[in-house]
Amino acid sequence: MAKKDGVEEVSDGKFKEILEKNSLVVVDFFAEWCMPCLMMAPVFEEIAEKFKGKAEFAKVNIDENSEIANKHNIVSIPTIVIFKDKKEKNRITGTVSAEQLEEKLRSLIK
């Protein structure tokens, strides 16, 4: 899949690969029809740009990748999950400000 503003939309195989290769991964679970998801997209992209080189950012379309969404218990969107060393460390459901997302990330970056 193509990267958009430093954020790659991924499916199952690529999702696993990103988790394996990176210690800090931030994943935006979304759907094209979800208005709050569309509102969060520019915030997510802004933070991805700000943390380039410190964390890997990816998006997962839950309509196209329901298996990943189910595995990670995504019941509401948008949901941003922050993985550190392949383990979920933080989860944000709903819309948040760039500052709130940045704060969650900074607490995991040493």
N, C-alpha and C. Protein backbone atom coordinates (compact mmCIF):
# COMPACT_ATOMS: atom_id res chain seq x y z
N MET A 1 0.84 -1.19 0.00
CA MET A 1 0.00 0.00 0.00
C MET A 1 0.88 1.25 0.00
N ALA A 2 0.33 2.31 -0.50
CA ALA A 2 1.08 3.55 -0.61
C ALA A 2 1.10 4.30 0.71
N LYS A 3 2.20 5.01 0.91
CA LYS A 3 2.30 5.87 2.09
C LYS A 3 1.66 7.20 1.78
N LYS A 4 0.92 7.70 2.72
CA LYS A 4 0.31 9.02 2.58
C LYS A 4 0.82 9.86 3.75
N ASP A 5 1.58 10.89 3.44
CA ASP A 5 2.14 11.76 4.47
C ASP A 5 2.89 10.98 5.54
N GLY A 6 3.68 9.99 5.11
CA GLY A 6 4.49 9.23 6.06
C GLY A 6 3.73 8.15 6.80
N VAL A 7 2.45 7.98 6.48
CA VAL A 7 1.63 6.96 7.14
C VAL A 7 1.21 5.93 6.11
N GLU A 8 1.56 4.68 6.35
CA GLU A 8 1.23 3.62 5.41
C GLU A 8 -0.04 2.89 5.84
N GLU A 9 -0.94 2.69 4.89
CA GLU A 9 -2.12 1.87 5.16
C GLU A 9 -1.71 0.43 4.94
N VAL A 10 -1.90 -0.41 5.94
CA VAL A 10 -1.38 -1.77 5.88
C VAL A 10 -2.48 -2.82 6.04
N SER A 11 -2.15 -4.03 5.55
CA SER A 11 -3.02 -5.18 5.75
C SER A 11 -2.26 -6.18 6.62
N ASP A 12 -2.78 -7.38 6.76
CA ASP A 12 -2.29 -8.34 7.73
C ASP A 12 -0.78 -8.61 7.68
N GLY A 13 -0.26 -9.01 6.54
CA GLY A 13 1.17 -9.36 6.44
C GLY A 13 2.07 -8.19 6.78
N LYS A 14 1.77 -7.04 6.23
CA LYS A 14 2.58 -5.83 6.47
C LYS A 14 2.45 -5.38 7.92
N PHE A 15 1.27 -5.53 8.50
CA PHE A 15 1.04 -5.17 9.90
C PHE A 15 1.99 -5.97 10.80
N LYS A 16 2.04 -7.28 10.59
CA LYS A 16 2.92 -8.14 11.39
C LYS A 16 4.38 -7.74 11.20
N GLU A 17 4.75 -7.46 9.96
CA GLU A 17 6.13 -7.07 9.64
C GLU A 17 6.52 -5.78 10.37
N ILE A 18 5.64 -4.80 10.37
CA ILE A 18 5.91 -3.52 11.05
C ILE A 18 6.08 -3.74 12.55
N LEU A 19 5.23 -4.57 13.14
CA LEU A 19 5.35 -4.85 14.58
C LEU A 19 6.67 -5.55 14.89
N GLU A 20 7.10 -6.46 14.01
CA GLU A 20 8.35 -7.20 14.21
C GLU A 20 9.57 -6.30 14.12
N LYS A 21 9.56 -5.37 13.16
CA LYS A 21 10.76 -4.58 12.84
C LYS A 21 10.93 -3.31 13.65
N ASN A 22 9.90 -2.85 14.34
CA ASN A 22 9.96 -1.57 15.03
C ASN A 22 9.61 -1.72 16.50
N SER A 23 10.34 -1.01 17.36
CA SER A 23 10.04 -1.13 18.79
C SER A 23 8.82 -0.32 19.18
N LEU A 24 8.57 0.82 18.47
CA LEU A 24 7.41 1.65 18.79
C LEU A 24 6.57 1.82 17.52
N VAL A 25 5.33 1.32 17.59
CA VAL A 25 4.43 1.36 16.44
C VAL A 25 3.10 1.97 16.87
N VAL A 26 2.63 2.94 16.08
CA VAL A 26 1.37 3.61 16.36
C VAL A 26 0.41 3.29 15.22
N VAL A 27 -0.72 2.67 15.54
CA VAL A 27 -1.66 2.22 14.52
C VAL A 27 -3.01 2.89 14.69
N ASP A 28 -3.49 3.47 13.60
CA ASP A 28 -4.81 4.10 13.55
C ASP A 28 -5.77 3.12 12.90
N PHE A 29 -6.71 2.58 13.68
CA PHE A 29 -7.75 1.71 13.14
C PHE A 29 -8.91 2.61 12.75
N PHE A 30 -9.32 2.53 11.47
CA PHE A 30 -10.31 3.47 10.94
C PHE A 30 -11.18 2.80 9.89
N ALA A 31 -12.17 3.56 9.40
CA ALA A 31 -12.99 3.15 8.25
C ALA A 31 -13.24 4.40 7.42
N GLU A 32 -13.36 4.21 6.11
CA GLU A 32 -13.56 5.34 5.18
C GLU A 32 -14.86 6.11 5.48
N TRP A 33 -15.88 5.41 5.97
CA TRP A 33 -17.19 6.02 6.19
C TRP A 33 -17.32 6.70 7.55
N CYS A 34 -16.30 6.62 8.37
CA CYS A 34 -16.36 7.10 9.75
C CYS A 34 -15.93 8.58 9.83
N MET A 35 -16.88 9.46 10.14
CA MET A 35 -16.58 10.90 10.20
C MET A 35 -15.51 11.23 11.25
N PRO A 36 -15.61 10.72 12.49
CA PRO A 36 -14.55 11.01 13.46
C PRO A 36 -13.17 10.52 12.98
N CYS A 37 -13.16 9.40 12.23
CA CYS A 37 -11.89 8.89 11.68
C CYS A 37 -11.31 9.90 10.69
N LEU A 38 -12.16 10.46 9.85
CA LEU A 38 -11.71 11.45 8.88
C LEU A 38 -11.19 12.70 9.59
N MET A 39 -11.81 13.04 10.70
CA MET A 39 -11.36 14.19 11.48
C MET A 39 -10.01 13.92 12.15
N MET A 40 -9.75 12.68 12.53
CA MET A 40 -8.49 12.32 13.20
C MET A 40 -7.32 12.17 12.23
N ALA A 41 -7.62 11.91 10.96
CA ALA A 41 -6.56 11.64 9.98
C ALA A 41 -5.49 12.73 9.94
N PRO A 42 -5.84 14.02 9.83
CA PRO A 42 -4.79 15.04 9.79
C PRO A 42 -4.00 15.13 11.10
N VAL A 43 -4.64 14.87 12.23
CA VAL A 43 -3.96 14.88 13.53
C VAL A 43 -2.93 13.75 13.57
N PHE A 44 -3.36 12.57 13.13
CA PHE A 44 -2.48 11.39 13.11
C PHE A 44 -1.28 11.65 12.20
N GLU A 45 -1.54 12.23 11.02
CA GLU A 45 -0.47 12.52 10.06
C GLU A 45 0.49 13.57 10.61
N GLU A 46 -0.02 14.56 11.32
CA GLU A 46 0.82 15.60 11.93
C GLU A 46 1.78 14.98 12.96
N ILE A 47 1.25 14.10 13.79
CA ILE A 47 2.08 13.44 14.81
C ILE A 47 3.07 12.48 14.16
N ALA A 48 2.65 11.81 13.10
CA ALA A 48 3.55 10.90 12.37
C ALA A 48 4.75 11.68 11.84
N GLU A 49 4.50 12.86 11.32
CA GLU A 49 5.57 13.71 10.80
C GLU A 49 6.50 14.15 11.95
N LYS A 50 5.91 14.54 13.05
CA LYS A 50 6.66 15.04 14.21
C LYS A 50 7.55 13.96 14.82
N PHE A 51 7.08 12.72 14.80
CA PHE A 51 7.81 11.61 15.43
C PHE A 51 8.52 10.71 14.42
N LYS A 52 8.70 11.22 13.22
CA LYS A 52 9.38 10.46 12.17
C LYS A 52 10.76 10.03 12.68
N GLY A 53 11.07 8.74 12.53
CA GLY A 53 12.35 8.24 13.00
C GLY A 53 12.32 7.75 14.45
N LYS A 54 11.29 8.13 15.19
CA LYS A 54 11.18 7.69 16.59
C LYS A 54 10.13 6.60 16.75
N ALA A 55 9.16 6.58 15.82
CA ALA A 55 8.09 5.58 15.86
C ALA A 55 7.63 5.32 14.44
N GLU A 56 7.06 4.15 14.22
CA GLU A 56 6.49 3.80 12.92
C GLU A 56 4.98 4.00 13.02
N PHE A 57 4.40 4.62 12.01
CA PHE A 57 2.97 4.92 11.99
C PHE A 57 2.30 4.16 10.86
N ALA A 58 1.13 3.58 11.15
CA ALA A 58 0.39 2.83 10.14
C ALA A 58 -1.10 3.00 10.37
N LYS A 59 -1.86 2.77 9.32
CA LYS A 59 -3.32 2.82 9.40
C LYS A 59 -3.85 1.46 8.98
N VAL A 60 -4.91 1.02 9.64
CA VAL A 60 -5.56 -0.24 9.30
C VAL A 60 -7.04 0.04 9.06
N ASN A 61 -7.48 -0.21 7.83
CA ASN A 61 -8.89 -0.06 7.47
C ASN A 61 -9.62 -1.30 8.00
N ILE A 62 -10.49 -1.10 8.99
CA ILE A 62 -11.14 -2.25 9.64
C ILE A 62 -12.11 -2.98 8.72
N ASP A 63 -12.64 -2.28 7.70
CA ASP A 63 -13.55 -2.95 6.76
C ASP A 63 -12.78 -3.94 5.88
N GLU A 64 -11.55 -3.61 5.55
CA GLU A 64 -10.74 -4.47 4.69
C GLU A 64 -9.88 -5.45 5.49
N ASN A 65 -9.73 -5.20 6.78
CA ASN A 65 -8.85 -6.02 7.62
C ASN A 65 -9.53 -6.36 8.94
N SER A 66 -10.70 -6.95 8.85
CA SER A 66 -11.47 -7.24 10.07
C SER A 66 -10.74 -8.22 10.99
N GLU A 67 -9.90 -9.09 10.43
CA GLU A 67 -9.17 -10.06 11.24
C GLU A 67 -8.22 -9.35 12.22
N ILE A 68 -7.49 -8.35 11.72
CA ILE A 68 -6.58 -7.58 12.58
C ILE A 68 -7.39 -6.84 13.64
N ALA A 69 -8.47 -6.20 13.21
CA ALA A 69 -9.32 -5.44 14.14
C ALA A 69 -9.86 -6.35 15.24
N ASN A 70 -10.34 -7.53 14.86
CA ASN A 70 -10.87 -8.48 15.85
C ASN A 70 -9.79 -8.95 16.80
N LYS A 71 -8.61 -9.26 16.27
CA LYS A 71 -7.50 -9.75 17.09
C LYS A 71 -7.12 -8.74 18.17
N HIS A 72 -7.25 -7.45 17.84
CA HIS A 72 -6.85 -6.41 18.78
C HIS A 72 -8.06 -5.77 19.48
N ASN A 73 -9.20 -6.45 19.41
CA ASN A 73 -10.42 -6.03 20.11
C ASN A 73 -10.83 -4.59 19.80
N ILE A 74 -10.82 -4.25 18.53
CA ILE A 74 -11.25 -2.92 18.11
C ILE A 74 -12.77 -2.96 17.99
N VAL A 75 -13.45 -2.27 18.90
CA VAL A 75 -14.92 -2.29 18.90
C VAL A 75 -15.50 -0.93 18.55
N SER A 76 -14.67 0.08 18.56
CA SER A 76 -15.12 1.43 18.26
C SER A 76 -14.02 2.13 17.48
N ILE A 77 -14.39 2.99 16.55
CA ILE A 77 -13.38 3.72 15.78
C ILE A 77 -13.68 5.21 15.80
N PRO A 78 -12.67 6.04 15.65
CA PRO A 78 -11.26 5.67 15.49
C PRO A 78 -10.67 5.17 16.81
N THR A 79 -9.76 4.21 16.68
CA THR A 79 -8.98 3.75 17.81
C THR A 79 -7.51 3.77 17.40
N ILE A 80 -6.71 4.42 18.21
CA ILE A 80 -5.26 4.44 17.97
C ILE A 80 -4.63 3.56 19.04
N VAL A 81 -3.84 2.59 18.58
CA VAL A 81 -3.18 1.68 19.50
C VAL A 81 -1.68 1.90 19.38
N ILE A 82 -1.03 2.05 20.53
CA ILE A 82 0.42 2.24 20.55
C ILE A 82 1.05 0.95 21.08
N PHE A 83 1.91 0.36 20.23
CA PHE A 83 2.60 -0.87 20.59
C PHE A 83 4.06 -0.55 20.89
N LYS A 84 4.57 -1.12 21.96
CA LYS A 84 6.00 -1.01 22.26
C LYS A 84 6.51 -2.43 22.44
N ASP A 85 7.54 -2.77 21.67
CA ASP A 85 8.10 -4.12 21.69
C ASP A 85 7.01 -5.18 21.49
N LYS A 86 6.16 -4.94 20.51
CA LYS A 86 5.09 -5.85 20.06
C LYS A 86 3.93 -5.99 21.04
N LYS A 87 3.95 -5.25 22.14
CA LYS A 87 2.87 -5.34 23.12
C LYS A 87 2.09 -4.02 23.14
N GLU A 88 0.78 -4.13 23.28
CA GLU A 88 -0.04 -2.92 23.38
C GLU A 88 0.27 -2.21 24.69
N LYS A 89 0.62 -0.92 24.57
CA LYS A 89 0.95 -0.13 25.75
C LYS A 89 -0.07 0.96 26.02
N ASN A 90 -0.77 1.38 25.00
CA ASN A 90 -1.73 2.45 25.17
C ASN A 90 -2.78 2.36 24.08
N ARG A 91 -3.99 2.83 24.39
CA ARG A 91 -5.09 2.79 23.43
C ARG A 91 -5.91 4.06 23.61
N ILE A 92 -6.20 4.70 22.50
CA ILE A 92 -7.00 5.92 22.51
C ILE A 92 -8.19 5.68 21.59
N THR A 93 -9.40 5.79 22.13
CA THR A 93 -10.59 5.60 21.32
C THR A 93 -11.31 6.94 21.19
N GLY A 94 -11.71 7.26 19.97
CA GLY A 94 -12.38 8.53 19.72
C GLY A 94 -11.38 9.57 19.26
N THR A 95 -11.87 10.79 19.09
CA THR A 95 -10.99 11.85 18.61
C THR A 95 -10.25 12.49 19.79
N VAL A 96 -9.00 12.82 19.55
CA VAL A 96 -8.17 13.51 20.54
C VAL A 96 -7.37 14.58 19.83
N SER A 97 -6.84 15.49 20.59
CA SER A 97 -6.02 16.55 20.00
C SER A 97 -4.62 16.00 19.72
N ALA A 98 -3.88 16.72 18.89
CA ALA A 98 -2.50 16.35 18.59
C ALA A 98 -1.69 16.34 19.89
N GLU A 99 -1.97 17.28 20.77
CA GLU A 99 -1.25 17.37 22.04
C GLU A 99 -1.47 16.13 22.91
N GLN A 100 -2.72 15.66 22.95
CA GLN A 100 -3.03 14.47 23.75
C GLN A 100 -2.33 13.23 23.20
N LEU A 101 -2.34 13.10 21.88
CA LEU A 101 -1.68 11.95 21.26
C LEU A 101 -0.17 12.04 21.47
N GLU A 102 0.37 13.23 21.32
CA GLU A 102 1.80 13.44 21.50
C GLU A 102 2.21 13.10 22.94
N GLU A 103 1.40 13.47 23.90
CA GLU A 103 1.69 13.19 25.32
C GLU A 103 1.77 11.69 25.56
N LYS A 104 0.83 10.95 25.00
CA LYS A 104 0.83 9.48 25.15
C LYS A 104 2.10 8.88 24.56
N LEU A 105 2.52 9.40 23.40
CA LEU A 105 3.72 8.88 22.73
C LEU A 105 4.99 9.23 23.50
N ARG A 106 5.08 10.45 23.95
CA ARG A 106 6.29 10.90 24.67
C ARG A 106 6.54 10.04 25.91
N SER A 107 5.46 9.59 26.56
CA SER A 107 5.64 8.77 27.76
C SER A 107 6.28 7.42 27.44
N LEU A 108 6.22 6.99 26.18
CA LEU A 108 6.79 5.69 25.79
C LEU A 108 8.15 5.80 25.11
N ILE A 109 8.55 7.03 24.77
CA ILE A 109 9.84 7.23 24.10
C ILE A 109 10.89 7.55 25.16
N LYS A 110 11.91 6.77 25.18
CA LYS A 110 12.98 6.98 26.18
C LYS A 110 14.20 7.52 25.47
